[in-house]
Amino acid sequence: MKPRAWPTALLVFGITFGVSASGVTAPPCPPPQVRIEGGTSASINCPTVPSGDLYATTFPAAENPISEGGKWTNGKVAGLDWNNVQTVPGAAYGADFAIGYDDSIAVLNTTFTANQFAEGVVRRASGYSPTVSHEVELLLRFQVTPNNARGYEVLYSQDGWLVIVRWNGPLANYTELASSGGPVSGNAADGDVIRAEIVGNAIRVFKNGTLVLTGSDATWTTGQPGMGFWPKPGATIQAYGWKSYTAGSL
């Protein structure tokens, strides 16, 4: 966490979406033409997303670092100072422990609009209860270049905190924008759905469909969605991650 002070259905390529006469209505509202990696399901109503403005994956392959056909930019490969993201079939995790603030991060090589979202479904091993900090992260308006990673992070710690953070570029240079101030309905649970949205300067965070945190910042106006992880030494890297990920334009 930052600051880190705490220890009718349409079937397309293996993904089931609810639809209506006006368009796709299941979050994140993918249209029939959307590109897909892996498969997942959705059934809750939400606004229609234009064709081509969405990426969804259930991490079908074992990769270290994550690539999915060259669709991801990784923290160590491109940024040098951070760690990469790894996958096994059905889950994504950090590729290494975070010694300081060298989170494991990966950003999509997309052209989504500045108004965008990222959404993940938590994968938590049964009985996992580390004595050190362990986070999963959603990234918005992010960009990774050598020795520079900037954008917005929404972290979800294994003990249930949600925090919005602005990354300012250099390693360990960040600004906390908003915090839940404590666990949101208890510890993070397997199957929790965390969604982060940014529209203009407003950032909104949802847990299982309920708005739970808001923030505002005008620093970064460009960049793409991504994901990240912050497992401290002593955590079990593959015990807490994302089992699916979706991102796109709003």
Protein backbone atom coordinates (compact mmCIF):
# COMPACT_ATOMS: atom_id res chain seq x y z
CA MET A 1 0.00 0.00 0.00
CA LYS A 2 1.13 3.57 -0.49
CA PRO A 3 2.20 4.90 1.86
CA ARG A 4 3.20 1.33 2.80
CA ALA A 5 2.61 1.44 6.50
CA TRP A 6 0.45 -1.70 6.75
CA PRO A 7 2.11 -5.33 7.21
CA THR A 8 -30.09 -13.32 -23.26
CA ALA A 9 -26.58 -14.26 -23.86
CA LEU A 10 -24.01 -13.93 -26.57
CA LEU A 11 -21.05 -16.35 -26.62
CA VAL A 12 -17.93 -14.95 -28.30
CA PHE A 13 -14.55 -16.71 -28.21
CA GLY A 14 -15.33 -18.37 -24.88
CA ILE A 15 -16.78 -15.26 -23.24
CA THR A 16 -20.46 -14.93 -22.34
CA PHE A 17 -21.99 -11.45 -22.38
CA GLY A 18 -25.49 -10.21 -21.59
CA VAL A 19 -26.94 -8.15 -24.44
CA SER A 20 -29.92 -5.92 -25.14
CA ALA A 21 -31.48 -4.44 -28.24
CA SER A 22 -29.39 -1.30 -27.74
CA GLY A 23 -26.06 -3.11 -27.42
CA VAL A 24 -23.93 -5.05 -24.97
CA THR A 25 -24.89 -4.29 -21.40
CA ALA A 26 -22.68 -6.52 -19.26
CA PRO A 27 -19.64 -4.89 -17.69
CA PRO A 28 -17.26 -4.15 -19.12
CA CYS A 29 -19.75 -4.18 -22.00
CA PRO A 30 -17.65 -5.82 -24.74
CA PRO A 31 -19.15 -5.82 -28.25
CA PRO A 32 -19.17 -8.92 -30.47
CA GLN A 33 -16.14 -7.67 -32.41
CA VAL A 34 -13.87 -7.19 -29.38
CA ARG A 35 -10.51 -8.94 -29.29
CA ILE A 36 -10.32 -11.53 -26.53
CA GLU A 37 -7.62 -13.48 -24.73
CA GLY A 38 -8.89 -16.38 -22.65
CA GLY A 39 -12.50 -16.32 -21.47
CA THR A 40 -14.73 -15.04 -18.70
CA SER A 41 -18.37 -14.17 -18.07
CA ALA A 42 -20.34 -11.08 -17.14
CA SER A 43 -24.02 -10.30 -16.61
CA ILE A 44 -24.43 -6.93 -14.81
CA ASN A 45 -25.82 -3.97 -16.75
CA CYS A 46 -23.51 -1.10 -17.67
CA PRO A 47 -23.02 1.38 -20.55
CA THR A 48 -22.14 0.10 -23.99
CA VAL A 49 -18.44 0.20 -24.93
CA PRO A 50 -17.66 1.00 -28.59
CA SER A 51 -16.31 -1.79 -30.76
CA GLY A 52 -12.55 -2.24 -30.43
CA ASP A 53 -12.31 -0.22 -27.21
CA LEU A 54 -11.87 -3.15 -24.84
CA TYR A 55 -9.32 -5.81 -23.91
CA ALA A 56 -10.18 -8.82 -21.75
CA THR A 57 -8.07 -11.75 -20.63
CA THR A 58 -8.18 -14.73 -18.29
CA PHE A 59 -4.44 -15.34 -18.78
CA PRO A 60 -4.59 -18.53 -20.84
CA ALA A 61 -0.82 -19.17 -20.99
CA ALA A 62 2.20 -19.40 -18.70
CA GLU A 63 4.39 -16.36 -19.47
CA ASN A 64 7.16 -14.54 -17.63
CA PRO A 65 6.91 -11.72 -18.48
CA ILE A 66 3.31 -11.44 -19.66
CA SER A 67 3.03 -10.76 -23.39
CA GLU A 68 -0.20 -12.23 -24.84
CA GLY A 69 1.09 -11.66 -28.34
CA GLY A 70 3.02 -8.47 -27.60
CA LYS A 71 0.09 -6.64 -26.01
CA TRP A 72 1.85 -5.76 -22.73
CA THR A 73 4.76 -3.50 -21.70
CA ASN A 74 6.48 -4.78 -18.54
CA GLY A 75 8.10 -2.88 -15.70
CA LYS A 76 11.59 -4.41 -15.80
CA VAL A 77 11.75 -4.98 -19.55
CA ALA A 78 10.78 -1.41 -20.44
CA GLY A 79 11.16 0.56 -17.21
CA LEU A 80 14.30 -1.14 -15.84
CA ASP A 81 13.66 -0.10 -12.21
CA TRP A 82 10.51 -2.13 -11.61
CA ASN A 83 9.55 -5.82 -11.86
CA ASN A 84 7.62 -7.70 -14.54
CA VAL A 85 4.25 -9.45 -14.36
CA GLN A 86 4.03 -13.22 -14.81
CA THR A 87 1.09 -15.49 -15.63
CA VAL A 88 0.08 -19.11 -15.24
CA PRO A 89 -3.06 -20.44 -16.91
CA GLY A 90 -5.90 -18.63 -15.16
CA ALA A 91 -3.97 -16.11 -13.07
CA ALA A 92 -1.49 -13.21 -13.09
CA TYR A 93 1.01 -12.37 -10.33
CA GLY A 94 4.13 -10.39 -9.65
CA ALA A 95 7.27 -11.85 -11.14
CA ASP A 96 9.36 -11.07 -8.04
CA PHE A 97 9.19 -9.69 -4.52
CA ALA A 98 9.18 -5.93 -4.03
CA ILE A 99 12.27 -4.94 -2.09
CA GLY A 100 11.28 -1.28 -1.98
CA TYR A 101 8.80 0.29 -4.38
CA ASP A 102 9.78 -1.80 -7.38
CA ASP A 103 6.25 -3.11 -7.94
CA SER A 104 5.61 -5.70 -10.65
CA ILE A 105 3.76 -3.77 -13.37
CA ALA A 106 2.53 -4.28 -16.92
CA VAL A 107 0.72 -1.78 -19.16
CA LEU A 108 -1.35 -2.48 -22.27
CA ASN A 109 -0.07 -1.44 -25.70
CA THR A 110 -3.43 0.06 -26.65
CA THR A 111 -4.91 3.34 -27.82
CA PHE A 112 -7.81 3.64 -25.40
CA THR A 113 -9.16 7.10 -24.70
CA ALA A 114 -8.05 9.12 -21.67
CA ASN A 115 -11.43 8.29 -20.11
CA GLN A 116 -10.85 4.62 -19.32
CA PHE A 117 -11.33 1.77 -16.87
CA ALA A 118 -9.50 -1.28 -15.58
CA GLU A 119 -11.19 -4.16 -13.78
CA GLY A 120 -9.83 -7.31 -12.14
CA VAL A 121 -11.21 -10.37 -10.41
CA VAL A 122 -9.19 -11.36 -7.36
CA ARG A 123 -7.53 -14.76 -7.08
CA ARG A 124 -6.71 -15.53 -3.42
CA ALA A 125 -5.57 -18.94 -2.25
CA SER A 126 -7.67 -20.55 0.44
CA GLY A 127 -6.37 -19.74 3.91
CA TYR A 128 -3.75 -17.26 2.69
CA SER A 129 -2.95 -14.84 5.53
CA PRO A 130 0.53 -13.29 5.19
CA THR A 131 2.15 -11.27 7.95
CA VAL A 132 3.59 -8.80 5.40
CA SER A 133 1.97 -6.45 2.88
CA HIS A 134 0.69 -7.94 -0.39
CA GLU A 135 -1.27 -5.92 -2.95
CA VAL A 136 -2.93 -6.29 -6.32
CA GLU A 137 -3.16 -3.14 -8.41
CA LEU A 138 -5.11 -1.60 -11.30
CA LEU A 139 -3.33 1.06 -13.35
CA LEU A 140 -4.88 3.96 -15.29
CA ARG A 141 -3.32 6.45 -17.75
CA PHE A 142 -0.04 4.68 -17.24
CA GLN A 143 3.19 4.91 -19.20
CA VAL A 144 6.43 2.99 -18.68
CA THR A 145 9.75 4.09 -20.21
CA PRO A 146 13.35 3.60 -19.02
CA ASN A 147 13.62 4.72 -15.37
CA ASN A 148 10.17 6.28 -15.52
CA ALA A 149 6.73 4.91 -14.64
CA ARG A 150 3.88 7.35 -14.24
CA GLY A 151 0.10 7.29 -14.02
CA TYR A 152 -2.53 6.32 -11.47
CA GLU A 153 -2.65 3.20 -9.32
CA VAL A 154 -5.59 1.75 -7.41
CA LEU A 155 -4.28 -0.81 -4.93
CA TYR A 156 -6.25 -3.49 -3.09
CA SER A 157 -4.32 -4.98 -0.20
CA GLN A 158 -4.82 -8.51 1.04
CA ASP A 159 -6.21 -7.06 4.27
CA GLY A 160 -8.93 -5.15 2.42
CA TRP A 161 -7.65 -1.56 2.05
CA LEU A 162 -8.22 0.43 -1.15
CA VAL A 163 -5.94 3.36 -1.99
CA ILE A 164 -5.57 5.68 -5.01
CA VAL A 165 -1.98 6.70 -5.73
CA ARG A 166 -0.36 8.91 -8.36
CA TRP A 167 2.99 7.67 -9.67
CA ASN A 168 5.18 10.67 -10.49
CA GLY A 169 7.79 8.95 -12.67
CA PRO A 170 11.03 8.05 -10.84
CA LEU A 171 11.27 4.98 -8.62
CA ALA A 172 9.64 5.49 -5.19
CA ASN A 173 8.23 8.91 -6.16
CA TYR A 174 4.49 8.78 -5.54
CA THR A 175 1.60 10.76 -4.03
CA GLU A 176 -1.35 9.25 -2.19
CA LEU A 177 -4.61 10.80 -3.42
CA ALA A 178 -7.30 8.92 -1.45
CA SER A 179 -7.62 5.98 0.93
CA SER A 180 -10.43 3.86 2.31
CA GLY A 181 -8.86 4.37 5.74
CA GLY A 182 -9.29 0.71 6.59
CA PRO A 183 -10.62 -2.58 5.24
CA VAL A 184 -13.63 -2.34 2.93
CA SER A 185 -15.97 -5.12 4.12
CA GLY A 186 -13.16 -7.21 5.58
CA ASN A 187 -10.12 -8.81 4.01
CA ALA A 188 -9.79 -9.22 0.27
CA ALA A 189 -11.58 -12.37 -0.85
CA ASP A 190 -11.23 -14.72 -3.78
CA GLY A 191 -13.65 -13.55 -6.48
CA ASP A 192 -13.82 -9.90 -5.40
CA VAL A 193 -14.29 -7.63 -8.43
CA ILE A 194 -12.35 -4.35 -8.26
CA ARG A 195 -12.98 -1.73 -10.94
CA ALA A 196 -11.16 1.60 -11.35
CA GLU A 197 -12.40 4.35 -13.66
CA ILE A 198 -11.01 7.74 -14.62
CA VAL A 199 -13.10 10.37 -16.44
CA GLY A 200 -11.57 13.82 -16.72
CA ASN A 201 -9.93 14.46 -13.35
CA ALA A 202 -12.24 12.13 -11.41
CA ILE A 203 -11.18 8.65 -10.28
CA ARG A 204 -13.77 6.20 -8.98
CA VAL A 205 -13.21 2.78 -7.42
CA PHE A 206 -15.84 0.04 -7.17
CA LYS A 207 -15.79 -3.16 -5.13
CA ASN A 208 -18.26 -5.81 -6.26
CA GLY A 209 -20.30 -3.17 -8.07
CA THR A 210 -20.48 -0.66 -5.21
CA LEU A 211 -18.70 2.71 -5.33
CA VAL A 212 -16.32 2.70 -2.35
CA LEU A 213 -13.64 5.35 -3.04
CA THR A 214 -13.19 8.52 -5.09
CA GLY A 215 -10.29 10.82 -5.86
CA SER A 216 -9.36 13.68 -8.17
CA ASP A 217 -6.15 14.72 -9.92
CA ALA A 218 -5.25 16.64 -13.08
CA THR A 219 -1.59 15.66 -13.47
CA TRP A 220 -1.77 12.86 -16.06
CA THR A 221 -4.06 13.20 -19.08
CA THR A 222 -2.67 10.41 -21.30
CA GLY A 223 -1.61 6.79 -20.91
CA GLN A 224 -3.09 3.30 -20.95
CA PRO A 225 -4.58 0.83 -18.45
CA GLY A 226 -2.47 -1.82 -16.78
CA MET A 227 -2.06 -3.95 -13.68
CA GLY A 228 0.45 -4.48 -10.92
CA PHE A 229 1.43 -6.35 -7.77
CA TRP A 230 3.34 -5.56 -4.57
CA PRO A 231 4.31 -8.73 -2.66
CA LYS A 232 6.82 -8.02 0.11
CA PRO A 233 9.42 -10.67 1.01
CA GLY A 234 7.69 -13.21 3.21
CA ALA A 235 4.51 -13.17 1.12
CA THR A 236 3.57 -16.04 -1.22
CA ILE A 237 3.60 -14.46 -4.67
CA GLN A 238 1.14 -16.83 -6.33
CA ALA A 239 -1.32 -16.80 -3.42
CA TYR A 240 -2.77 -13.38 -4.28
CA GLY A 241 -3.26 -12.05 -7.79
CA TRP A 242 -5.77 -11.45 -10.58
CA LYS A 243 -7.70 -14.32 -12.17
CA SER A 244 -9.05 -12.09 -14.96
CA TYR A 245 -8.50 -8.57 -16.23
CA THR A 246 -10.51 -6.23 -18.44
CA ALA A 247 -9.81 -2.67 -19.57
CA GLY A 248 -11.07 -0.21 -22.11
CA SER A 249 -12.37 3.21 -23.04
CA LEU A 250 -15.27 5.01 -21.35
